[in-house]
Amino acid sequence: MPTLAPEDRELLVLKHLEGLTYEELAQRLGVPAGTVMSRLYHARRRFREKFTARQDGHLAGTDE
């Protein structure tokens, strides 16, 4: 089963499960809000790619 990188998991959990705003995330992580938005964009993309590939049965036990 594919797993997310800890950094991606942290961002996604804080934003989507705990409901932090971009500014709150920026303060918590010590980075600008623009960096948070960029990191979230890429974390969501990686999550979507892994989830879609897994659903389509293309992973066969790898993270590719």
C-alpha atoms as a PDB file:
ATOM      1  CA  MET A   1       0.000   0.000   0.000  1.00  0.00           C
ATOM      2  CA  PRO A   2       1.472   3.386  -0.926  1.00  0.00           C
ATOM      3  CA  THR A   3       2.192   5.788   1.862  1.00  0.00           C
ATOM      4  CA  LEU A   4       2.576   9.525   1.945  1.00  0.00           C
ATOM      5  CA  ALA A   5       5.770  11.240   2.956  1.00  0.00           C
ATOM      6  CA  PRO A   6       5.529  12.491   6.549  1.00  0.00           C
ATOM      7  CA  GLU A   7       5.667  16.121   5.354  1.00  0.00           C
ATOM      8  CA  ASP A   8       2.753  15.580   2.964  1.00  0.00           C
ATOM      9  CA  ARG A   9       0.740  13.736   5.593  1.00  0.00           C
ATOM     10  CA  GLU A  10       1.315  16.499   8.150  1.00  0.00           C
ATOM     11  CA  LEU A  11       0.168  19.235   5.791  1.00  0.00           C
ATOM     12  CA  LEU A  12      -2.899  17.352   4.603  1.00  0.00           C
ATOM     13  CA  VAL A  13      -3.984  16.418   8.122  1.00  0.00           C
ATOM     14  CA  LEU A  14      -3.500  19.921   9.494  1.00  0.00           C
ATOM     15  CA  LYS A  15      -5.346  21.543   6.585  1.00  0.00           C
ATOM     16  CA  HIS A  16      -8.152  19.098   5.863  1.00  0.00           C
ATOM     17  CA  LEU A  17      -8.753  17.301   9.151  1.00  0.00           C
ATOM     18  CA  GLU A  18      -7.841  19.966  11.686  1.00  0.00           C
ATOM     19  CA  GLY A  19      -9.023  22.874   9.532  1.00  0.00           C
ATOM     20  CA  LEU A  20      -6.023  25.180   9.875  1.00  0.00           C
ATOM     21  CA  THR A  21      -5.911  28.162   7.536  1.00  0.00           C
ATOM     22  CA  TYR A  22      -2.976  28.867   5.244  1.00  0.00           C
ATOM     23  CA  GLU A  23      -1.802  31.569   7.647  1.00  0.00           C
ATOM     24  CA  GLU A  24      -2.062  29.241  10.648  1.00  0.00           C
ATOM     25  CA  LEU A  25      -0.104  26.592   8.776  1.00  0.00           C
ATOM     26  CA  ALA A  26       2.518  29.163   7.779  1.00  0.00           C
ATOM     27  CA  GLN A  27       2.969  30.259  11.399  1.00  0.00           C
ATOM     28  CA  ARG A  28       3.101  26.693  12.671  1.00  0.00           C
ATOM     29  CA  LEU A  29       5.636  25.590  10.050  1.00  0.00           C
ATOM     30  CA  GLY A  30       7.650  28.824  10.057  1.00  0.00           C
ATOM     31  CA  VAL A  31       7.301  29.422   6.312  1.00  0.00           C
ATOM     32  CA  PRO A  32       5.438  31.993   4.176  1.00  0.00           C
ATOM     33  CA  ALA A  33       1.784  31.319   3.292  1.00  0.00           C
ATOM     34  CA  GLY A  34       2.755  31.062  -0.390  1.00  0.00           C
ATOM     35  CA  THR A  35       5.098  28.199   0.476  1.00  0.00           C
ATOM     36  CA  VAL A  36       2.285  26.458   2.355  1.00  0.00           C
ATOM     37  CA  MET A  37       0.015  26.773  -0.680  1.00  0.00           C
ATOM     38  CA  SER A  38       2.699  25.387  -2.970  1.00  0.00           C
ATOM     39  CA  ARG A  39       3.498  22.488  -0.653  1.00  0.00           C
ATOM     40  CA  LEU A  40      -0.200  21.660  -0.287  1.00  0.00           C
ATOM     41  CA  TYR A  41      -0.679  21.713  -4.043  1.00  0.00           C
ATOM     42  CA  HIS A  42       2.119  19.193  -4.503  1.00  0.00           C
ATOM     43  CA  ALA A  43       1.060  17.061  -1.518  1.00  0.00           C
ATOM     44  CA  ARG A  44      -2.492  16.838  -2.900  1.00  0.00           C
ATOM     45  CA  ARG A  45      -1.182  15.949  -6.335  1.00  0.00           C
ATOM     46  CA  ARG A  46       1.013  13.161  -4.943  1.00  0.00           C
ATOM     47  CA  PHE A  47      -1.869  11.863  -2.818  1.00  0.00           C
ATOM     48  CA  ARG A  48      -4.219  11.893  -5.812  1.00  0.00           C
ATOM     49  CA  GLU A  49      -1.682  10.100  -8.021  1.00  0.00           C
ATOM     50  CA  LYS A  50      -1.085   7.359  -5.449  1.00  0.00           C
ATOM     51  CA  PHE A  51      -4.763   6.959  -4.645  1.00  0.00           C
ATOM     52  CA  THR A  52      -5.789   6.872  -8.311  1.00  0.00           C
ATOM     53  CA  ALA A  53      -3.037   4.421  -9.233  1.00  0.00           C
ATOM     54  CA  ARG A  54      -4.013   2.176  -6.335  1.00  0.00           C
ATOM     55  CA  GLN A  55      -7.673   2.294  -7.317  1.00  0.00           C
ATOM     56  CA  ASP A  56      -6.774   1.452 -10.916  1.00  0.00           C
ATOM     57  CA  GLY A  57      -4.652  -1.480  -9.779  1.00  0.00           C
ATOM     58  CA  HIS A  58      -1.456  -0.145 -11.325  1.00  0.00           C
ATOM     59  CA  LEU A  59       0.787  -0.195  -8.256  1.00  0.00           C
ATOM     60  CA  ALA A  60       1.355  -3.916  -7.816  1.00  0.00           C
ATOM     61  CA  GLY A  61       3.088  -3.250  -4.513  1.00  0.00           C
ATOM     62  CA  THR A  62       5.294  -0.325  -5.579  1.00  0.00           C
ATOM     63  CA  ASP A  63       5.143   3.418  -5.109  1.00  0.00           C
ATOM     64  CA  GLU A  64       5.555   4.100  -8.830  1.00  0.00           C
END
